[in-house]
Amino acid sequence: MRWRDGEHKERYTLITKEIDGKEQLRDEGYHVIDLHDITLLSERFLADRTR
């Protein structure tokens, strides 16, 4: 698979326990996920499955 052929766009995500300034980083275009985000997503997913 050719990776840098002009058709694909590389994206990086930072995942860590806690990110200070997370909203500012997101406003700047970074994909940042911390443990709090993962917890919220998991809770929402499980709540949707039990309905």
PDB file of N, CA and C in Angstrom:
ATOM      1  N   MET A   1       0.838  -1.176   0.000  1.00  0.00           N
ATOM      2  CA  MET A   1       0.000   0.000   0.000  1.00  0.00           C
ATOM      3  C   MET A   1       0.883   1.240   0.000  1.00  0.00           C
ATOM      4  N   ARG A   2       0.675   2.077  -0.941  1.00  0.00           N
ATOM      5  CA  ARG A   2       1.411   3.336  -0.970  1.00  0.00           C
ATOM      6  C   ARG A   2       0.774   4.293   0.018  1.00  0.00           C
ATOM      7  N   TRP A   3       1.574   4.818   0.891  1.00  0.00           N
ATOM      8  CA  TRP A   3       1.021   5.671   1.929  1.00  0.00           C
ATOM      9  C   TRP A   3       1.017   7.136   1.515  1.00  0.00           C
ATOM     10  N   ARG A   4       2.083   7.620   0.970  1.00  0.00           N
ATOM     11  CA  ARG A   4       2.187   9.037   0.632  1.00  0.00           C
ATOM     12  C   ARG A   4       2.015   9.235  -0.868  1.00  0.00           C
ATOM     13  N   ASP A   5       0.850   8.900  -1.349  1.00  0.00           N
ATOM     14  CA  ASP A   5       0.602   8.995  -2.782  1.00  0.00           C
ATOM     15  C   ASP A   5      -0.299  10.171  -3.144  1.00  0.00           C
ATOM     16  N   GLY A   6      -0.555  11.069  -2.200  1.00  0.00           N
ATOM     17  CA  GLY A   6      -1.396  12.215  -2.460  1.00  0.00           C
ATOM     18  C   GLY A   6      -2.877  11.959  -2.235  1.00  0.00           C
ATOM     19  N   GLU A   7      -3.266  10.710  -2.079  1.00  0.00           N
ATOM     20  CA  GLU A   7      -4.663  10.372  -1.850  1.00  0.00           C
ATOM     21  C   GLU A   7      -4.987  10.196  -0.374  1.00  0.00           C
ATOM     22  N   HIS A   8      -3.995   9.953   0.424  1.00  0.00           N
ATOM     23  CA  HIS A   8      -4.204   9.716   1.855  1.00  0.00           C
ATOM     24  C   HIS A   8      -3.721  10.909   2.659  1.00  0.00           C
ATOM     25  N   LYS A   9      -4.382  11.126   3.770  1.00  0.00           N
ATOM     26  CA  LYS A   9      -3.979  12.203   4.664  1.00  0.00           C
ATOM     27  C   LYS A   9      -3.597  11.594   6.008  1.00  0.00           C
ATOM     28  N   GLU A  10      -2.431  11.918   6.486  1.00  0.00           N
ATOM     29  CA  GLU A  10      -1.984  11.392   7.764  1.00  0.00           C
ATOM     30  C   GLU A  10      -2.605  12.192   8.897  1.00  0.00           C
ATOM     31  N   ARG A  11      -3.012  11.493   9.935  1.00  0.00           N
ATOM     32  CA  ARG A  11      -3.554  12.131  11.134  1.00  0.00           C
ATOM     33  C   ARG A  11      -2.936  11.443  12.338  1.00  0.00           C
ATOM     34  N   TYR A  12      -2.665  12.231  13.325  1.00  0.00           N
ATOM     35  CA  TYR A  12      -2.085  11.713  14.558  1.00  0.00           C
ATOM     36  C   TYR A  12      -3.022  12.040  15.711  1.00  0.00           C
ATOM     37  N   THR A  13      -3.089  11.144  16.666  1.00  0.00           N
ATOM     38  CA  THR A  13      -3.925  11.347  17.838  1.00  0.00           C
ATOM     39  C   THR A  13      -3.073  11.124  19.073  1.00  0.00           C
ATOM     40  N   LEU A  14      -3.219  12.037  20.031  1.00  0.00           N
ATOM     41  CA  LEU A  14      -2.541  11.907  21.311  1.00  0.00           C
ATOM     42  C   LEU A  14      -3.547  11.346  22.303  1.00  0.00           C
ATOM     43  N   ILE A  15      -3.209  10.218  22.912  1.00  0.00           N
ATOM     44  CA  ILE A  15      -4.056   9.598  23.923  1.00  0.00           C
ATOM     45  C   ILE A  15      -3.218   9.461  25.187  1.00  0.00           C
ATOM     46  N   THR A  16      -3.726  10.002  26.283  1.00  0.00           N
ATOM     47  CA  THR A  16      -2.985   9.956  27.537  1.00  0.00           C
ATOM     48  C   THR A  16      -3.953  10.011  28.716  1.00  0.00           C
ATOM     49  N   LYS A  17      -3.429   9.906  29.909  1.00  0.00           N
ATOM     50  CA  LYS A  17      -4.259   9.888  31.108  1.00  0.00           C
ATOM     51  C   LYS A  17      -4.997  11.202  31.299  1.00  0.00           C
ATOM     52  N   GLU A  18      -4.304  12.319  31.199  1.00  0.00           N
ATOM     53  CA  GLU A  18      -4.929  13.632  31.394  1.00  0.00           C
ATOM     54  C   GLU A  18      -4.195  14.661  30.552  1.00  0.00           C
ATOM     55  N   ILE A  19      -4.955  15.528  29.893  1.00  0.00           N
ATOM     56  CA  ILE A  19      -4.353  16.534  29.026  1.00  0.00           C
ATOM     57  C   ILE A  19      -4.787  17.914  29.490  1.00  0.00           C
ATOM     58  N   ASP A  20      -3.833  18.707  29.947  1.00  0.00           N
ATOM     59  CA  ASP A  20      -4.113  20.101  30.290  1.00  0.00           C
ATOM     60  C   ASP A  20      -4.191  20.905  29.001  1.00  0.00           C
ATOM     61  N   GLY A  21      -5.194  21.776  28.906  1.00  0.00           N
ATOM     62  CA  GLY A  21      -5.331  22.582  27.699  1.00  0.00           C
ATOM     63  C   GLY A  21      -5.898  21.817  26.528  1.00  0.00           C
ATOM     64  N   LYS A  22      -6.649  20.766  26.819  1.00  0.00           N
ATOM     65  CA  LYS A  22      -7.187  19.878  25.783  1.00  0.00           C
ATOM     66  C   LYS A  22      -8.053  20.636  24.782  1.00  0.00           C
ATOM     67  N   GLU A  23      -8.915  21.518  25.249  1.00  0.00           N
ATOM     68  CA  GLU A  23      -9.799  22.243  24.342  1.00  0.00           C
ATOM     69  C   GLU A  23      -9.023  23.167  23.419  1.00  0.00           C
ATOM     70  N   GLN A  24      -7.989  23.797  23.932  1.00  0.00           N
ATOM     71  CA  GLN A  24      -7.163  24.666  23.085  1.00  0.00           C
ATOM     72  C   GLN A  24      -6.475  23.855  21.991  1.00  0.00           C
ATOM     73  N   LEU A  25      -5.962  22.695  22.353  1.00  0.00           N
ATOM     74  CA  LEU A  25      -5.326  21.830  21.361  1.00  0.00           C
ATOM     75  C   LEU A  25      -6.328  21.394  20.292  1.00  0.00           C
ATOM     76  N   ARG A  26      -7.540  21.091  20.716  1.00  0.00           N
ATOM     77  CA  ARG A  26      -8.575  20.713  19.748  1.00  0.00           C
ATOM     78  C   ARG A  26      -8.913  21.884  18.831  1.00  0.00           C
ATOM     79  N   ASP A  27      -8.985  23.084  19.405  1.00  0.00           N
ATOM     80  CA  ASP A  27      -9.255  24.275  18.597  1.00  0.00           C
ATOM     81  C   ASP A  27      -8.167  24.501  17.546  1.00  0.00           C
ATOM     82  N   GLU A  28      -6.956  24.056  17.856  1.00  0.00           N
ATOM     83  CA  GLU A  28      -5.829  24.201  16.927  1.00  0.00           C
ATOM     84  C   GLU A  28      -5.778  23.066  15.900  1.00  0.00           C
ATOM     85  N   GLY A  29      -6.727  22.125  16.004  1.00  0.00           N
ATOM     86  CA  GLY A  29      -6.815  21.059  15.008  1.00  0.00           C
ATOM     87  C   GLY A  29      -6.215  19.723  15.415  1.00  0.00           C
ATOM     88  N   TYR A  30      -5.764  19.610  16.659  1.00  0.00           N
ATOM     89  CA  TYR A  30      -5.196  18.343  17.127  1.00  0.00           C
ATOM     90  C   TYR A  30      -6.311  17.407  17.590  1.00  0.00           C
ATOM     91  N   HIS A  31      -6.091  16.105  17.400  1.00  0.00           N
ATOM     92  CA  HIS A  31      -6.992  15.090  17.922  1.00  0.00           C
ATOM     93  C   HIS A  31      -6.402  14.627  19.244  1.00  0.00           C
ATOM     94  N   VAL A  32      -7.053  14.979  20.349  1.00  0.00           N
ATOM     95  CA  VAL A  32      -6.546  14.598  21.661  1.00  0.00           C
ATOM     96  C   VAL A  32      -7.643  13.881  22.440  1.00  0.00           C
ATOM     97  N   ILE A  33      -7.268  12.787  23.066  1.00  0.00           N
ATOM     98  CA  ILE A  33      -8.199  11.979  23.843  1.00  0.00           C
ATOM     99  C   ILE A  33      -7.521  11.639  25.163  1.00  0.00           C
ATOM    100  N   ASP A  34      -8.238  11.877  26.248  1.00  0.00           N
ATOM    101  CA  ASP A  34      -7.683  11.477  27.543  1.00  0.00           C
ATOM    102  C   ASP A  34      -8.621  10.468  28.205  1.00  0.00           C
ATOM    103  N   LEU A  35      -8.232   9.997  29.367  1.00  0.00           N
ATOM    104  CA  LEU A  35      -8.987   8.961  30.060  1.00  0.00           C
ATOM    105  C   LEU A  35     -10.420   9.409  30.333  1.00  0.00           C
ATOM    106  N   HIS A  36     -10.607  10.677  30.623  1.00  0.00           N
ATOM    107  CA  HIS A  36     -11.957  11.206  30.860  1.00  0.00           C
ATOM    108  C   HIS A  36     -12.831  11.031  29.620  1.00  0.00           C
ATOM    109  N   ASP A  37     -12.305  11.337  28.452  1.00  0.00           N
ATOM    110  CA  ASP A  37     -13.055  11.177  27.210  1.00  0.00           C
ATOM    111  C   ASP A  37     -13.414   9.714  26.964  1.00  0.00           C
ATOM    112  N   ILE A  38     -12.478   8.827  27.200  1.00  0.00           N
ATOM    113  CA  ILE A  38     -12.721   7.398  26.999  1.00  0.00           C
ATOM    114  C   ILE A  38     -13.806   6.904  27.949  1.00  0.00           C
ATOM    115  N   THR A  39     -13.776   7.373  29.188  1.00  0.00           N
ATOM    116  CA  THR A  39     -14.798   7.000  30.169  1.00  0.00           C
ATOM    117  C   THR A  39     -16.171   7.467  29.724  1.00  0.00           C
ATOM    118  N   LEU A  40     -16.277   8.732  29.290  1.00  0.00           N
ATOM    119  CA  LEU A  40     -17.557   9.256  28.832  1.00  0.00           C
ATOM    120  C   LEU A  40     -18.088   8.482  27.632  1.00  0.00           C
ATOM    121  N   LEU A  41     -17.222   8.212  26.671  1.00  0.00           N
ATOM    122  CA  LEU A  41     -17.647   7.453  25.494  1.00  0.00           C
ATOM    123  C   LEU A  41     -18.098   6.045  25.868  1.00  0.00           C
ATOM    124  N   SER A  42     -17.400   5.414  26.789  1.00  0.00           N
ATOM    125  CA  SER A  42     -17.767   4.063  27.230  1.00  0.00           C
ATOM    126  C   SER A  42     -19.118   4.075  27.930  1.00  0.00           C
ATOM    127  N   GLU A  43     -19.338   5.066  28.799  1.00  0.00           N
ATOM    128  CA  GLU A  43     -20.609   5.162  29.513  1.00  0.00           C
ATOM    129  C   GLU A  43     -21.764   5.389  28.538  1.00  0.00           C
ATOM    130  N   ARG A  44     -21.563   6.256  27.552  1.00  0.00           N
ATOM    131  CA  ARG A  44     -22.610   6.508  26.554  1.00  0.00           C
ATOM    132  C   ARG A  44     -22.902   5.256  25.736  1.00  0.00           C
ATOM    133  N   PHE A  45     -21.847   4.564  25.341  1.00  0.00           N
ATOM    134  CA  PHE A  45     -22.012   3.343  24.559  1.00  0.00           C
ATOM    135  C   PHE A  45     -22.797   2.307  25.351  1.00  0.00           C
ATOM    136  N   LEU A  46     -22.429   2.104  26.612  1.00  0.00           N
ATOM    137  CA  LEU A  46     -23.116   1.107  27.427  1.00  0.00           C
ATOM    138  C   LEU A  46     -24.551   1.518  27.706  1.00  0.00           C
ATOM    139  N   ALA A  47     -24.800   2.805  27.896  1.00  0.00           N
ATOM    140  CA  ALA A  47     -26.175   3.269  28.135  1.00  0.00           C
ATOM    141  C   ALA A  47     -27.042   3.027  26.903  1.00  0.00           C
ATOM    142  N   ASP A  48     -26.482   3.260  25.720  1.00  0.00           N
ATOM    143  CA  ASP A  48     -27.233   3.036  24.487  1.00  0.00           C
ATOM    144  C   ASP A  48     -27.556   1.559  24.281  1.00  0.00           C
ATOM    145  N   ARG A  49     -26.656   0.707  24.713  1.00  0.00           N
ATOM    146  CA  ARG A  49     -26.862  -0.748  24.517  1.00  0.00           C
ATOM    147  C   ARG A  49     -27.924  -1.295  25.446  1.00  0.00           C
ATOM    148  N   THR A  50     -28.147  -0.655  26.586  1.00  0.00           N
ATOM    149  CA  THR A  50     -29.119  -1.168  27.550  1.00  0.00           C
ATOM    150  C   THR A  50     -30.525  -0.645  27.296  1.00  0.00           C
ATOM    151  N   ARG A  51     -30.695   0.233  26.323  1.00  0.00           N
ATOM    152  CA  ARG A  51     -32.043   0.776  26.032  1.00  0.00           C
ATOM    153  C   ARG A  51     -32.838  -0.169  25.204  1.00  0.00           C
TER     154      ARG A  51
END
